[in-house]
Protein backbone atom coordinates (compact mmCIF):
# COMPACT_ATOMS: atom_id res chain seq x y z
CA MET A 1 110.12 108.07 140.85
CA THR A 2 107.78 110.59 139.24
CA PHE A 3 108.42 113.01 136.41
CA GLU A 4 107.18 116.60 136.57
CA ARG A 5 108.58 117.80 133.22
CA ILE A 6 108.77 115.71 130.08
CA GLY A 7 109.32 116.40 126.41
CA VAL A 8 107.88 114.74 123.32
CA ILE A 9 109.47 115.13 119.90
CA GLY A 10 106.96 114.80 117.08
CA ALA A 11 103.33 115.93 117.19
CA GLY A 12 101.93 113.41 114.75
CA GLN A 13 99.40 110.80 115.73
CA MET A 14 101.71 109.04 118.19
CA GLY A 15 103.49 112.08 119.61
CA ALA A 16 100.25 113.97 120.13
CA GLY A 17 98.79 110.96 121.92
CA ILE A 18 101.79 110.63 124.22
CA ALA A 19 101.60 114.33 125.03
CA GLU A 20 97.87 114.06 125.74
CA VAL A 21 98.13 111.16 128.19
CA SER A 22 101.07 112.81 129.93
CA ALA A 23 99.18 116.08 130.34
CA ARG A 24 96.16 114.12 131.61
CA ALA A 25 98.48 112.73 134.30
CA GLY A 26 99.37 116.27 135.41
CA ILE A 27 102.85 116.27 133.86
CA HIS A 28 104.02 119.49 132.22
CA THR A 29 104.75 118.49 128.64
CA VAL A 30 106.71 120.30 125.92
CA VAL A 31 106.07 119.01 122.40
CA ILE A 32 108.60 119.79 119.69
CA GLU A 33 107.94 119.85 115.96
CA ALA A 34 110.22 120.69 113.03
CA THR A 35 108.44 123.92 112.03
CA GLU A 36 106.02 126.43 113.52
CA GLU A 37 103.39 125.27 111.02
CA ALA A 38 103.79 121.64 112.11
CA ALA A 39 103.71 122.74 115.76
CA SER A 40 100.40 124.53 115.22
CA ALA A 41 98.98 121.47 113.48
CA GLY A 42 100.13 119.31 116.39
CA ARG A 43 98.44 121.59 118.89
CA ARG A 44 95.20 121.39 116.93
CA ARG A 45 95.49 117.58 116.84
CA ILE A 46 95.72 117.44 120.64
CA GLU A 47 92.87 119.94 121.09
CA SER A 48 90.68 117.94 118.69
CA SER A 49 91.27 114.71 120.61
CA LEU A 50 90.36 116.39 123.90
CA ASP A 51 87.27 117.97 122.31
CA LYS A 52 86.07 114.49 121.33
CA ALA A 53 86.67 113.24 124.88
CA VAL A 54 84.52 116.09 126.21
CA GLN A 55 81.77 115.35 123.66
CA ARG A 56 81.74 111.68 124.69
CA GLY A 57 81.43 112.66 128.34
CA LYS A 58 84.83 111.18 129.19
CA LEU A 59 86.30 114.54 130.18
CA SER A 60 84.99 117.72 131.77
CA VAL A 61 85.61 121.12 130.20
CA GLU A 62 87.51 122.15 133.33
CA ASP A 63 89.82 119.16 133.06
CA GLN A 64 90.30 119.86 129.36
CA VAL A 65 91.45 123.40 130.13
CA ALA A 66 93.83 122.14 132.82
CA MET A 67 95.33 119.57 130.46
CA LEU A 68 95.89 122.09 127.69
CA ASP A 69 97.61 124.35 130.21
CA ASN A 70 100.04 121.47 130.80
CA ILE A 71 101.05 121.31 127.12
CA ARG A 72 103.33 123.68 125.25
CA VAL A 73 104.03 123.05 121.57
CA SER A 74 107.17 124.57 120.07
CA ALA A 75 109.54 124.39 117.11
CA LYS A 76 112.62 125.12 119.26
CA MET A 77 114.69 122.18 120.51
CA ALA A 78 116.16 124.44 123.20
CA ASP A 79 112.77 124.37 124.94
CA LEU A 80 113.60 120.82 126.02
CA ALA A 81 116.62 121.90 128.07
CA ASP A 82 114.99 121.44 131.50
CA ARG A 83 113.14 118.19 130.75
CA GLN A 84 113.65 115.12 132.97
CA LEU A 85 112.47 112.69 130.29
CA VAL A 86 112.22 113.14 126.52
CA ILE A 87 110.35 110.69 124.30
CA GLU A 88 111.12 110.67 120.59
CA ALA A 89 108.16 109.94 118.29
CA ILE A 90 109.37 110.93 114.83
CA VAL A 91 109.41 109.03 111.53
CA GLU A 92 110.47 105.36 111.76
CA ASN A 93 113.90 105.94 110.22
CA GLU A 94 117.10 104.84 111.92
CA ASN A 95 119.31 107.63 110.55
CA ALA A 96 116.81 110.34 111.51
CA LYS A 97 116.39 108.96 115.02
CA THR A 98 120.14 108.50 115.56
CA ALA A 99 120.82 112.09 114.53
CA LEU A 100 118.09 113.31 116.86
CA PHE A 101 119.44 111.38 119.85
CA ARG A 102 122.90 112.80 119.18
CA GLN A 103 121.41 116.30 119.23
CA LEU A 104 119.26 115.67 122.32
CA ASP A 105 122.29 114.55 124.27
CA THR A 106 123.68 118.08 123.99
CA VAL A 107 120.36 119.93 124.54
CA LEU A 108 119.34 118.40 127.88
CA GLU A 109 120.89 120.22 130.83
CA ASP A 110 120.19 117.55 133.46
CA PRO A 111 122.89 114.84 133.25
CA ALA A 112 120.38 112.40 134.78
CA ALA A 113 117.70 113.07 132.13
CA ILE A 114 116.38 110.00 130.33
CA LEU A 115 116.11 109.69 126.54
CA ALA A 116 113.43 107.35 125.24
CA SER A 117 112.25 106.27 121.82
CA ASN A 118 108.75 105.32 120.76
CA THR A 119 110.25 103.27 117.92
CA SER A 120 108.30 100.16 117.02
CA SER A 121 111.23 98.23 115.60
CA ILE A 122 114.67 99.89 115.66
CA PRO A 123 117.09 98.35 118.20
CA ILE A 124 117.58 100.70 121.13
CA MET A 125 121.33 100.07 121.28
CA LYS A 126 121.76 101.82 117.93
CA LEU A 127 120.17 104.96 119.39
CA ALA A 128 121.91 104.70 122.76
CA MET A 129 125.38 104.60 121.20
CA ALA A 130 124.72 107.94 119.50
CA THR A 131 124.73 109.53 122.98
CA LYS A 132 127.16 109.91 125.86
CA ARG A 133 124.54 108.53 128.27
CA PRO A 134 123.66 105.06 126.88
CA GLU A 135 122.70 103.85 130.35
CA GLN A 136 119.87 106.44 130.31
CA VAL A 137 118.42 105.42 126.94
CA LEU A 138 115.57 102.95 126.45
CA GLY A 139 112.44 102.30 124.44
CA ILE A 140 109.00 103.33 125.65
CA HIS A 141 106.76 102.00 122.89
CA PHE A 142 103.14 103.15 123.01
CA PHE A 143 100.32 101.82 120.83
CA ASN A 144 97.93 103.70 118.57
CA PRO A 145 95.65 105.36 119.61
CA VAL A 146 97.67 106.19 122.72
CA PRO A 147 94.78 107.61 124.82
CA VAL A 148 92.76 104.41 124.24
CA LEU A 149 95.20 101.48 124.23
CA HIS A 150 96.65 100.61 127.62
CA LEU A 151 99.79 98.73 126.58
CA VAL A 152 103.36 100.04 126.71
CA GLU A 153 106.42 98.01 125.74
CA LEU A 154 109.50 98.88 127.79
CA VAL A 155 112.68 98.00 125.90
CA THR A 156 116.08 98.01 127.61
CA SER A 157 119.43 97.69 125.85
CA LEU A 158 122.55 96.04 127.21
CA HIS A 159 123.56 99.46 128.57
CA THR A 160 120.25 100.60 130.13
CA SER A 161 120.64 100.93 133.89
CA PRO A 162 118.18 99.34 136.35
CA GLU A 163 117.46 102.83 137.70
CA THR A 164 116.48 104.09 134.22
CA GLN A 165 114.24 101.07 133.70
CA ALA A 166 112.57 101.57 137.10
CA LYS A 167 111.92 105.28 136.45
CA ALA A 168 110.46 104.59 133.00
CA GLU A 169 108.24 101.82 134.32
CA SER A 170 107.00 104.10 137.09
CA TYR A 171 106.16 106.80 134.52
CA ALA A 172 104.21 104.41 132.28
CA ALA A 173 102.51 102.31 134.96
CA GLU A 174 102.05 104.62 137.92
CA GLN A 175 101.73 108.07 136.34
CA LEU A 176 99.96 107.11 133.10
CA GLY A 177 98.17 103.99 134.33
CA LYS A 178 99.41 101.85 131.44
CA ARG A 179 100.02 98.10 131.44
CA VAL A 180 103.77 97.55 130.96
CA ILE A 181 105.42 94.56 129.33
CA ASN A 182 109.21 94.23 129.18
CA SER A 183 111.10 93.27 126.05
CA LYS A 184 114.68 92.50 125.15
CA ASP A 185 116.34 94.78 122.63
CA ARG A 186 115.62 92.93 119.40
CA ALA A 187 114.08 94.48 116.29
CA GLY A 188 110.29 94.53 116.54
CA PHE A 189 110.34 93.77 120.27
CA ILE A 190 107.40 91.58 121.36
CA VAL A 191 104.28 92.87 119.62
CA ASN A 192 105.59 93.78 116.17
CA ALA A 193 107.78 90.69 115.92
CA LEU A 194 104.49 88.76 116.05
CA LEU A 195 102.16 91.24 114.34
CA ILE A 196 104.12 92.30 111.25
CA PRO A 197 104.56 88.78 109.77
CA TYR A 198 100.79 88.32 110.18
CA ILE A 199 100.06 91.55 108.28
CA LEU A 200 102.62 90.73 105.57
CA SER A 201 101.05 87.30 105.08
CA ALA A 202 97.67 88.98 104.50
CA VAL A 203 99.23 91.38 101.97
CA ARG A 204 100.80 88.44 100.10
CA MET A 205 97.48 86.57 100.11
CA TYR A 206 95.68 89.59 98.64
CA GLU A 207 98.51 90.30 96.19
CA SER A 208 98.38 86.71 94.86
CA GLY A 209 94.64 86.94 94.16
CA PHE A 210 93.92 84.11 96.58
CA ALA A 211 91.15 86.13 98.28
CA SER A 212 89.63 89.62 98.28
CA LYS A 213 90.75 92.15 100.87
CA GLU A 214 87.23 92.16 102.33
CA ASP A 215 87.17 88.38 102.74
CA ILE A 216 90.66 88.29 104.26
CA ASP A 217 89.72 90.90 106.84
CA GLN A 218 86.27 89.44 107.51
CA GLY A 219 87.78 86.02 108.02
CA MET A 220 90.02 87.28 110.85
CA VAL A 221 87.33 89.50 112.41
CA THR A 222 84.52 86.96 112.40
CA GLY A 223 86.55 83.77 112.49
CA CYS A 224 89.20 84.76 115.03
CA ALA A 225 87.43 87.56 116.96
CA HIS A 226 90.04 90.16 115.99
CA PRO A 227 88.75 93.75 116.33
CA MET A 228 89.82 94.48 112.75
CA GLY A 229 91.33 92.59 109.85
CA PRO A 230 95.04 92.68 108.98
CA LEU A 231 94.71 94.92 105.91
CA ALA A 232 92.51 97.43 107.72
CA LEU A 233 95.02 97.33 110.57
CA ALA A 234 97.88 98.04 108.16
CA ASP A 235 95.93 101.09 106.95
CA LEU A 236 95.54 102.24 110.55
CA ILE A 237 99.22 101.76 111.37
CA GLY A 238 100.29 103.37 108.10
CA LEU A 239 101.72 101.37 105.20
CA ASP A 240 104.98 103.31 105.34
CA THR A 241 105.39 102.44 109.01
CA THR A 242 104.46 98.82 108.32
CA GLN A 243 107.10 98.66 105.60
CA ALA A 244 109.74 100.35 107.79
CA VAL A 245 109.14 97.90 110.64
CA ALA A 246 109.28 94.95 108.23
CA GLU A 247 112.56 96.18 106.78
CA SER A 248 114.04 96.59 110.25
CA LEU A 249 112.97 93.05 111.18
CA TYR A 250 114.34 91.62 107.93
CA GLU A 251 117.65 93.42 108.37
CA GLU A 252 118.05 91.94 111.84
CA PHE A 253 116.83 88.36 111.29
CA LYS A 254 117.16 87.80 107.50
CA GLU A 255 114.02 85.63 107.54
CA GLN A 256 111.69 85.68 104.53
CA LEU A 257 108.54 86.10 106.60
CA TYR A 258 109.74 89.64 107.47
CA ALA A 259 110.42 90.71 103.85
CA PRO A 260 107.98 93.41 102.63
CA PRO A 261 105.85 92.15 99.69
CA PRO A 262 106.20 94.05 96.38
CA LEU A 263 102.61 95.33 96.60
CA LEU A 264 103.34 97.02 99.93
CA ALA A 265 106.42 98.73 98.47
CA ARG A 266 104.46 99.93 95.40
CA MET A 267 101.67 101.37 97.55
CA VAL A 268 104.17 103.26 99.72
CA GLU A 269 105.89 104.61 96.59
CA ALA A 270 102.47 105.75 95.34
CA GLY A 271 101.74 107.60 98.58
CA LEU A 272 98.83 105.28 99.41
CA LEU A 273 99.68 105.04 103.09
CA GLY A 274 96.30 104.23 104.63
CA ARG A 275 94.04 106.32 106.81
CA LYS A 276 96.46 109.23 107.15
CA THR A 277 96.45 109.85 103.38
CA GLY A 278 92.81 108.89 102.79
CA ARG A 279 93.59 105.75 100.83
CA GLY A 280 95.44 102.48 101.38
CA PHE A 281 93.94 99.05 100.98
CA TYR A 282 90.64 100.85 101.57
CA ASP A 283 89.36 104.28 100.58
CA TYR A 284 88.80 106.72 103.50
CA SER A 285 87.97 109.87 101.51
């Protein structure tokens, strides 16, 4: 159950990472972006990541060249026609993802091709029902940064076939060497259903003036041995993504612990999204 040709839609931080680890595994990977400009930026993002791996001695120049030969970045959806598996990694927006899955269903020539989403919160059934192949739709949720973190959440809907699940697990575990955990199709899945309320609690604590952002983060790093504090982690994830996941969780469960705090909403409206914009709870400029 191995894939030779996959596609990735979106060449941002997550999409580029998925493409990189797939190319490292010897899989020919086509990456699709919305425009030629975005495609070029995505290619540079992948090249930069591999350059850093070479500089750290984690990758030889020869292997780097071979990996880049396995990646083609394009702005044409038609270039996905022959793919056996396509992983969507676009903005965390249900309407955008649903429209994309509807389009993908008509682009892929192989009736057995699998459609996967890297969504961190949106129920897979909503995406599957936009296609005529719901039994071949599932979630393959990677974690940022993809080349470094070994976890993948596999999310199956009520329609996902056992064969689709087995093929996806083989791709993640055997071809990419990731650790796979299996989740039911509920908003947030396993990790974000636990993580997002923790981050939102930290935002509320900071918003209320109870403690400084530095003390909140230091308390969890030094007191609980977390690699980074919750506010720094929100900046790494992206405050817009954090808000989108929280909204998806709140819509599904209607529990107050999932409701985005006003401060988070104001920061997203202000474009203060964290590391990717140079400023969030902390300044990265």
